PDB file of N, CA and C in Angstrom:
ATOM      1  N   MET A   1     -41.814 -18.438 -18.728  1.00  0.00           N
ATOM      2  CA  MET A   1     -40.324 -18.326 -18.554  1.00  0.00           C
ATOM      3  C   MET A   1     -39.828 -18.915 -18.641  1.00  0.00           C
ATOM      4  N   ARG A   2     -38.736 -19.457 -19.088  1.00  0.00           N
ATOM      5  CA  ARG A   2     -37.680 -20.473 -18.900  1.00  0.00           C
ATOM      6  C   ARG A   2     -36.583 -19.730 -17.982  1.00  0.00           C
ATOM      7  N   ALA A   3     -36.020 -21.066 -17.376  1.00  0.00           N
ATOM      8  CA  ALA A   3     -34.790 -21.392 -16.331  1.00  0.00           C
ATOM      9  C   ALA A   3     -33.916 -21.669 -16.911  1.00  0.00           C
ATOM     10  N   THR A   4     -32.536 -20.789 -16.668  1.00  0.00           N
ATOM     11  CA  THR A   4     -30.938 -21.184 -17.279  1.00  0.00           C
ATOM     12  C   THR A   4     -30.261 -21.574 -16.272  1.00  0.00           C
ATOM     13  N   ILE A   5     -29.936 -22.241 -16.094  1.00  0.00           N
ATOM     14  CA  ILE A   5     -28.871 -23.052 -14.970  1.00  0.00           C
ATOM     15  C   ILE A   5     -27.245 -22.893 -15.623  1.00  0.00           C
ATOM     16  N   ILE A   6     -26.615 -22.102 -14.818  1.00  0.00           N
ATOM     17  CA  ILE A   6     -25.404 -21.619 -15.209  1.00  0.00           C
ATOM     18  C   ILE A   6     -24.707 -21.995 -14.351  1.00  0.00           C
ATOM     19  N   GLU A   7     -23.072 -22.323 -14.207  1.00  0.00           N
ATOM     20  CA  GLU A   7     -22.118 -22.430 -13.462  1.00  0.00           C
ATOM     21  C   GLU A   7     -21.491 -21.540 -13.660  1.00  0.00           C
ATOM     22  N   TRP A   8     -20.858 -20.397 -12.443  1.00  0.00           N
ATOM     23  CA  TRP A   8     -19.765 -19.469 -12.685  1.00  0.00           C
ATOM     24  C   TRP A   8     -19.283 -19.229 -11.276  1.00  0.00           C
ATOM     25  N   ASP A   9     -17.873 -19.344 -12.142  1.00  0.00           N
ATOM     26  CA  ASP A   9     -16.458 -19.330 -10.681  1.00  0.00           C
ATOM     27  C   ASP A   9     -16.160 -17.994 -10.785  1.00  0.00           C
ATOM     28  N   GLY A  10     -17.062 -16.873 -10.616  1.00  0.00           N
ATOM     29  CA  GLY A  10     -17.118 -15.666 -10.173  1.00  0.00           C
ATOM     30  C   GLY A  10     -16.180 -14.806 -11.257  1.00  0.00           C
ATOM     31  N   LYS A  11     -15.838 -14.956 -12.041  1.00  0.00           N
ATOM     32  CA  LYS A  11     -14.459 -14.371 -12.862  1.00  0.00           C
ATOM     33  C   LYS A  11     -14.861 -14.262 -13.957  1.00  0.00           C
ATOM     34  N   HIS A  12     -15.190 -15.243 -15.144  1.00  0.00           N
ATOM     35  CA  HIS A  12     -15.735 -15.267 -16.561  1.00  0.00           C
ATOM     36  C   HIS A  12     -16.805 -15.407 -16.437  1.00  0.00           C
ATOM     37  N   VAL A  13     -17.403 -14.754 -17.746  1.00  0.00           N
ATOM     38  CA  VAL A  13     -18.526 -14.706 -18.093  1.00  0.00           C
ATOM     39  C   VAL A  13     -18.972 -16.157 -18.552  1.00  0.00           C
ATOM     40  N   PRO A  14     -20.007 -16.896 -18.038  1.00  0.00           N
ATOM     41  CA  PRO A  14     -20.407 -17.685 -18.718  1.00  0.00           C
ATOM     42  C   PRO A  14     -21.118 -18.303 -19.995  1.00  0.00           C
ATOM     43  N   LYS A  15     -20.848 -19.212 -20.776  1.00  0.00           N
ATOM     44  CA  LYS A  15     -21.145 -19.028 -22.265  1.00  0.00           C
ATOM     45  C   LYS A  15     -23.166 -18.974 -22.287  1.00  0.00           C
ATOM     46  N   GLU A  16     -23.447 -19.594 -21.114  1.00  0.00           N
ATOM     47  CA  GLU A  16     -25.024 -19.451 -21.501  1.00  0.00           C
ATOM     48  C   GLU A  16     -25.137 -17.552 -20.958  1.00  0.00           C
ATOM     49  N   LEU A  17     -24.435 -17.095 -20.213  1.00  0.00           N
ATOM     50  CA  LEU A  17     -24.941 -15.818 -20.245  1.00  0.00           C
ATOM     51  C   LEU A  17     -24.540 -14.968 -21.357  1.00  0.00           C
ATOM     52  N   ARG A  18     -23.607 -14.998 -22.167  1.00  0.00           N
ATOM     53  CA  ARG A  18     -22.774 -14.408 -23.908  1.00  0.00           C
ATOM     54  C   ARG A  18     -24.131 -14.678 -24.215  1.00  0.00           C
ATOM     55  N   GLU A  19     -24.963 -16.268 -24.307  1.00  0.00           N
ATOM     56  CA  GLU A  19     -26.112 -16.191 -25.849  1.00  0.00           C
ATOM     57  C   GLU A  19     -27.004 -15.394 -25.507  1.00  0.00           C
ATOM     58  N   LEU A  20     -27.306 -15.058 -24.158  1.00  0.00           N
ATOM     59  CA  LEU A  20     -28.410 -14.006 -24.026  1.00  0.00           C
ATOM     60  C   LEU A  20     -28.754 -12.834 -24.712  1.00  0.00           C
ATOM     61  N   ALA A  21     -29.791 -12.606 -25.441  1.00  0.00           N
ATOM     62  CA  ALA A  21     -30.611 -11.520 -25.898  1.00  0.00           C
ATOM     63  C   ALA A  21     -29.999 -10.350 -25.267  1.00  0.00           C
ATOM     64  N   PRO A  22     -29.128  -9.168 -25.495  1.00  0.00           N
ATOM     65  CA  PRO A  22     -29.230  -7.762 -24.217  1.00  0.00           C
ATOM     66  C   PRO A  22     -30.674  -7.565 -24.459  1.00  0.00           C
ATOM     67  N   GLY A  23     -30.647  -6.837 -22.458  1.00  0.00           N
ATOM     68  CA  GLY A  23     -31.888  -6.501 -22.036  1.00  0.00           C
ATOM     69  C   GLY A  23     -30.999  -7.108 -20.616  1.00  0.00           C
ATOM     70  N   ARG A  24     -32.507  -6.637 -19.562  1.00  0.00           N
ATOM     71  CA  ARG A  24     -32.596  -6.536 -18.062  1.00  0.00           C
ATOM     72  C   ARG A  24     -32.942  -8.115 -17.674  1.00  0.00           C
ATOM     73  N   TYR A  25     -32.180  -8.546 -16.983  1.00  0.00           N
ATOM     74  CA  TYR A  25     -32.350  -9.586 -16.477  1.00  0.00           C
ATOM     75  C   TYR A  25     -32.696 -10.029 -15.222  1.00  0.00           C
ATOM     76  N   MET A  26     -32.982 -10.909 -14.498  1.00  0.00           N
ATOM     77  CA  MET A  26     -33.133 -10.844 -12.726  1.00  0.00           C
ATOM     78  C   MET A  26     -32.691 -12.423 -12.634  1.00  0.00           C
ATOM     79  N   LEU A  27     -31.567 -12.101 -11.623  1.00  0.00           N
ATOM     80  CA  LEU A  27     -31.280 -13.688 -11.306  1.00  0.00           C
ATOM     81  C   LEU A  27     -31.737 -13.884 -10.150  1.00  0.00           C
ATOM     82  N   SER A  28     -32.082 -15.251  -9.734  1.00  0.00           N
ATOM     83  CA  SER A  28     -32.814 -15.665  -8.485  1.00  0.00           C
ATOM     84  C   SER A  28     -31.658 -15.961  -7.327  1.00  0.00           C
ATOM     85  N   ASP A  29     -32.100 -16.871  -6.840  1.00  0.00           N
ATOM     86  CA  ASP A  29     -31.048 -17.727  -5.615  1.00  0.00           C
ATOM     87  C   ASP A  29     -30.212 -18.441  -6.345  1.00  0.00           C
ATOM     88  N   PRO A  30     -29.305 -18.928  -6.040  1.00  0.00           N
ATOM     89  CA  PRO A  30     -27.861 -20.169  -6.634  1.00  0.00           C
ATOM     90  C   PRO A  30     -28.731 -21.402  -6.919  1.00  0.00           C
ATOM     91  N   TYR A  31     -28.544 -21.965  -7.744  1.00  0.00           N
ATOM     92  CA  TYR A  31     -29.370 -23.392  -7.740  1.00  0.00           C
ATOM     93  C   TYR A  31     -28.360 -24.424  -6.688  1.00  0.00           C
ATOM     94  N   TRP A  32     -28.951 -25.232  -5.745  1.00  0.00           N
ATOM     95  CA  TRP A  32     -28.445 -25.812  -5.238  1.00  0.00           C
ATOM     96  C   TRP A  32     -28.915 -27.435  -5.369  1.00  0.00           C
ATOM     97  N   ASP A  33     -28.449 -28.506  -5.758  1.00  0.00           N
ATOM     98  CA  ASP A  33     -28.623 -29.180  -6.208  1.00  0.00           C
ATOM     99  C   ASP A  33     -27.839 -29.930  -4.656  1.00  0.00           C
ATOM    100  N   ASP A  34     -28.225 -31.029  -4.125  1.00  0.00           N
ATOM    101  CA  ASP A  34     -28.035 -31.862  -2.484  1.00  0.00           C
ATOM    102  C   ASP A  34     -27.615 -32.918  -3.059  1.00  0.00           C
ATOM    103  N   GLU A  35     -28.209 -33.694  -3.927  1.00  0.00           N
ATOM    104  CA  GLU A  35     -27.574 -34.800  -4.832  1.00  0.00           C
ATOM    105  C   GLU A  35     -26.070 -34.583  -4.821  1.00  0.00           C
ATOM    106  N   GLU A  36     -25.292 -33.001  -4.884  1.00  0.00           N
ATOM    107  CA  GLU A  36     -24.064 -33.143  -5.925  1.00  0.00           C
ATOM    108  C   GLU A  36     -22.980 -32.962  -4.596  1.00  0.00           C
ATOM    109  N   MET A  37     -23.635 -33.089  -3.459  1.00  0.00           N
ATOM    110  CA  MET A  37     -22.502 -32.466  -2.450  1.00  0.00           C
ATOM    111  C   MET A  37     -22.231 -33.619  -1.906  1.00  0.00           C
ATOM    112  N   THR A  38     -20.763 -33.802  -1.447  1.00  0.00           N
ATOM    113  CA  THR A  38     -20.091 -34.676  -0.851  1.00  0.00           C
ATOM    114  C   THR A  38     -20.206 -34.822   0.247  1.00  0.00           C
ATOM    115  N   GLU A  39     -19.598 -36.216   0.781  1.00  0.00           N
ATOM    116  CA  GLU A  39     -19.378 -36.175   2.308  1.00  0.00           C
ATOM    117  C   GLU A  39     -18.886 -35.524   3.017  1.00  0.00           C
ATOM    118  N   GLU A  40     -17.740 -34.560   2.489  1.00  0.00           N
ATOM    119  CA  GLU A  40     -16.718 -33.864   2.875  1.00  0.00           C
ATOM    120  C   GLU A  40     -17.360 -32.924   2.829  1.00  0.00           C
ATOM    121  N   GLU A  41     -18.220 -32.106   1.783  1.00  0.00           N
ATOM    122  CA  GLU A  41     -18.998 -30.763   2.117  1.00  0.00           C
ATOM    123  C   GLU A  41     -20.343 -31.050   3.158  1.00  0.00           C
ATOM    124  N   GLU A  42     -20.776 -32.057   2.729  1.00  0.00           N
ATOM    125  CA  GLU A  42     -21.788 -31.867   3.611  1.00  0.00           C
ATOM    126  C   GLU A  42     -21.299 -32.237   5.199  1.00  0.00           C
ATOM    127  N   ALA A  43     -20.684 -32.749   5.680  1.00  0.00           N
ATOM    128  CA  ALA A  43     -19.285 -32.457   7.041  1.00  0.00           C
ATOM    129  C   ALA A  43     -19.487 -31.299   7.743  1.00  0.00           C
ATOM    130  N   GLY A  44     -18.601 -30.752   6.317  1.00  0.00           N
ATOM    131  CA  GLY A  44     -18.437 -28.951   6.450  1.00  0.00           C
ATOM    132  C   GLY A  44     -19.642 -27.785   7.270  1.00  0.00           C
ATOM    133  N   VAL A  45     -20.367 -28.367   6.202  1.00  0.00           N
ATOM    134  CA  VAL A  45     -21.694 -27.496   5.929  1.00  0.00           C
ATOM    135  C   VAL A  45     -22.171 -27.907   7.712  1.00  0.00           C
ATOM    136  N   LEU A  46     -22.180 -29.335   7.996  1.00  0.00           N
ATOM    137  CA  LEU A  46     -22.786 -29.478   9.318  1.00  0.00           C
ATOM    138  C   LEU A  46     -22.086 -29.028  10.777  1.00  0.00           C
ATOM    139  N   LEU A  47     -20.964 -29.066  10.424  1.00  0.00           N
ATOM    140  CA  LEU A  47     -19.738 -28.578  11.149  1.00  0.00           C
ATOM    141  C   LEU A  47     -19.871 -26.772  11.505  1.00  0.00           C
ATOM    142  N   ALA A  48     -20.179 -26.014  10.464  1.00  0.00           N
ATOM    143  CA  ALA A  48     -20.762 -24.809  10.544  1.00  0.00           C
ATOM    144  C   ALA A  48     -21.635 -24.890  10.939  1.00  0.00           C
ATOM    145  N   ILE A  49     -22.989 -25.095  10.774  1.00  0.00           N
ATOM    146  CA  ILE A  49     -23.794 -25.114  11.510  1.00  0.00           C
ATOM    147  C   ILE A  49     -23.848 -25.050  12.642  1.00  0.00           C
ATOM    148  N   GLU A  50     -23.761 -26.032  13.488  1.00  0.00           N
ATOM    149  CA  GLU A  50     -23.235 -26.262  15.266  1.00  0.00           C
ATOM    150  C   GLU A  50     -22.187 -25.195  15.493  1.00  0.00           C
ATOM    151  N   GLU A  51     -21.156 -25.014  14.844  1.00  0.00           N
ATOM    152  CA  GLU A  51     -20.269 -23.367  15.034  1.00  0.00           C
ATOM    153  C   GLU A  51     -21.212 -22.464  15.517  1.00  0.00           C
ATOM    154  N   ILE A  52     -21.792 -22.063  14.524  1.00  0.00           N
ATOM    155  CA  ILE A  52     -23.249 -20.866  14.111  1.00  0.00           C
ATOM    156  C   ILE A  52     -24.030 -20.940  15.403  1.00  0.00           C
ATOM    157  N   GLU A  53     -24.598 -22.362  15.370  1.00  0.00           N
ATOM    158  CA  GLU A  53     -25.672 -22.625  16.903  1.00  0.00           C
ATOM    159  C   GLU A  53     -24.480 -22.102  18.663  1.00  0.00           C
ATOM    160  N   ALA A  54     -23.349 -22.240  18.105  1.00  0.00           N
ATOM    161  CA  ALA A  54     -22.901 -22.507  19.693  1.00  0.00           C
ATOM    162  C   ALA A  54     -22.443 -21.229  19.696  1.00  0.00           C
ATOM    163  N   GLY A  55     -22.614 -20.076  18.669  1.00  0.00           N
ATOM    164  CA  GLY A  55     -22.088 -18.652  19.287  1.00  0.00           C
ATOM    165  C   GLY A  55     -20.842 -18.803  18.308  1.00  0.00           C
ATOM    166  N   GLN A  56     -20.589 -19.431  17.809  1.00  0.00           N
ATOM    167  CA  GLN A  56     -18.878 -19.095  17.316  1.00  0.00           C
ATOM    168  C   GLN A  56     -18.797 -18.720  15.814  1.00  0.00           C
ATOM    169  N   GLY A  57     -20.099 -18.166  15.443  1.00  0.00           N
ATOM    170  CA  GLY A  57     -19.808 -17.681  13.533  1.00  0.00           C
ATOM    171  C   GLY A  57     -19.487 -16.349  13.745  1.00  0.00           C
ATOM    172  N   ILE A  58     -19.536 -15.942  12.411  1.00  0.00           N
ATOM    173  CA  ILE A  58     -18.336 -14.719  12.173  1.00  0.00           C
ATOM    174  C   ILE A  58     -19.912 -13.751  12.065  1.00  0.00           C
ATOM    175  N   PRO A  59     -19.662 -12.408  12.250  1.00  0.00           N
ATOM    176  CA  PRO A  59     -20.790 -11.483  12.089  1.00  0.00           C
ATOM    177  C   PRO A  59     -21.150 -11.049  10.714  1.00  0.00           C
ATOM    178  N   LEU A  60     -21.936 -11.208  10.067  1.00  0.00           N
ATOM    179  CA  LEU A  60     -22.976 -11.046   8.747  1.00  0.00           C
ATOM    180  C   LEU A  60     -21.508  -9.492   8.344  1.00  0.00           C
ATOM    181  N   GLU A  61     -21.549  -8.800   9.011  1.00  0.00           N
ATOM    182  CA  GLU A  61     -21.081  -7.067   9.011  1.00  0.00           C
ATOM    183  C   GLU A  61     -19.437  -7.307   8.168  1.00  0.00           C
ATOM    184  N   ASP A  62     -18.623  -8.299   9.436  1.00  0.00           N
ATOM    185  CA  ASP A  62     -17.620  -8.833   9.082  1.00  0.00           C
ATOM    186  C   ASP A  62     -17.119  -9.478   7.630  1.00  0.00           C
ATOM    187  N   VAL A  63     -18.253 -10.483   7.505  1.00  0.00           N
ATOM    188  CA  VAL A  63     -17.969 -11.366   6.587  1.00  0.00           C
ATOM    189  C   VAL A  63     -18.441 -10.548   4.888  1.00  0.00           C
ATOM    190  N   ILE A  64     -19.208  -9.723   5.110  1.00  0.00           N
ATOM    191  CA  ILE A  64     -19.435  -8.726   3.795  1.00  0.00           C
ATOM    192  C   ILE A  64     -18.207  -7.557   3.519  1.00  0.00           C
ATOM    193  N   ARG A  65     -17.768  -7.185   4.615  1.00  0.00           N
ATOM    194  CA  ARG A  65     -16.701  -6.393   4.400  1.00  0.00           C
ATOM    195  C   ARG A  65     -15.336  -7.443   4.226  1.00  0.00           C
ATOM    196  N   GLU A  66     -15.208  -8.708   4.179  1.00  0.00           N
ATOM    197  CA  GLU A  66     -14.309  -9.038   4.101  1.00  0.00           C
ATOM    198  C   GLU A  66     -14.319  -9.448   2.294  1.00  0.00           C
ATOM    199  N   ILE A  67     -15.546  -9.796   1.630  1.00  0.00           N
ATOM    200  CA  ILE A  67     -15.973 -10.046   0.697  1.00  0.00           C
ATOM    201  C   ILE A  67     -15.573  -9.099  -0.499  1.00  0.00           C
ATOM    202  N   ARG A  68     -16.090  -7.640   0.023  1.00  0.00           N
ATOM    203  CA  ARG A  68     -15.679  -6.395  -0.722  1.00  0.00           C
ATOM    204  C   ARG A  68     -14.251  -6.041  -0.837  1.00  0.00           C
ATOM    205  N   ALA A  69     -13.540  -6.449   0.436  1.00  0.00           N
ATOM    206  CA  ALA A  69     -12.062  -6.439   0.460  1.00  0.00           C
ATOM    207  C   ALA A  69     -11.473  -7.301  -0.727  1.00  0.00           C
ATOM    208  N   ARG A  70     -12.178  -8.518  -0.884  1.00  0.00           N
ATOM    209  CA  ARG A  70     -11.406  -9.175  -1.408  1.00  0.00           C
ATOM    210  C   ARG A  70     -11.709  -9.016  -2.984  1.00  0.00           C
ATOM    211  N   ALA A  71     -13.021  -8.407  -3.486  1.00  0.00           N
ATOM    212  CA  ALA A  71     -13.429  -8.079  -4.719  1.00  0.00           C
ATOM    213  C   ALA A  71     -12.499  -6.893  -5.126  1.00  0.00           C
ATOM    214  N   HIS A  72     -12.299  -5.837  -4.395  1.00  0.00           N
ATOM    215  CA  HIS A  72     -11.625  -4.861  -4.721  1.00  0.00           C
ATOM    216  C   HIS A  72     -10.060  -5.094  -5.281  1.00  0.00           C
ATOM    217  N   ARG A  73      -9.447  -6.467  -4.281  1.00  0.00           N
ATOM    218  CA  ARG A  73      -7.571  -7.272  -4.495  1.00  0.00           C
ATOM    219  C   ARG A  73      -8.054  -7.629  -5.942  1.00  0.00           C
ATOM    220  N   GLU A  74      -8.859  -8.061  -6.710  1.00  0.00           N
ATOM    221  CA  GLU A  74      -8.659  -8.876  -7.803  1.00  0.00           C
ATOM    222  C   GLU A  74      -8.893  -7.842  -9.156  1.00  0.00           C
TER     223      GLU A  74
END
């Protein structure tokens, strides 16, 4: 089975998906190429990790609720 890497903006169907034959497909984890991360992005991720470790994170349930609310607005 060959992997297909796609970039998706969350709204429009990418060309790679339109070209797939009809059927059922399973997507796995998002593709992450750490070489593409900018210094600013890396600093943001490290800051987020520090905040979570310091107990300043947002509960997962709140995040899921917010994502669902935003999805219904679009």
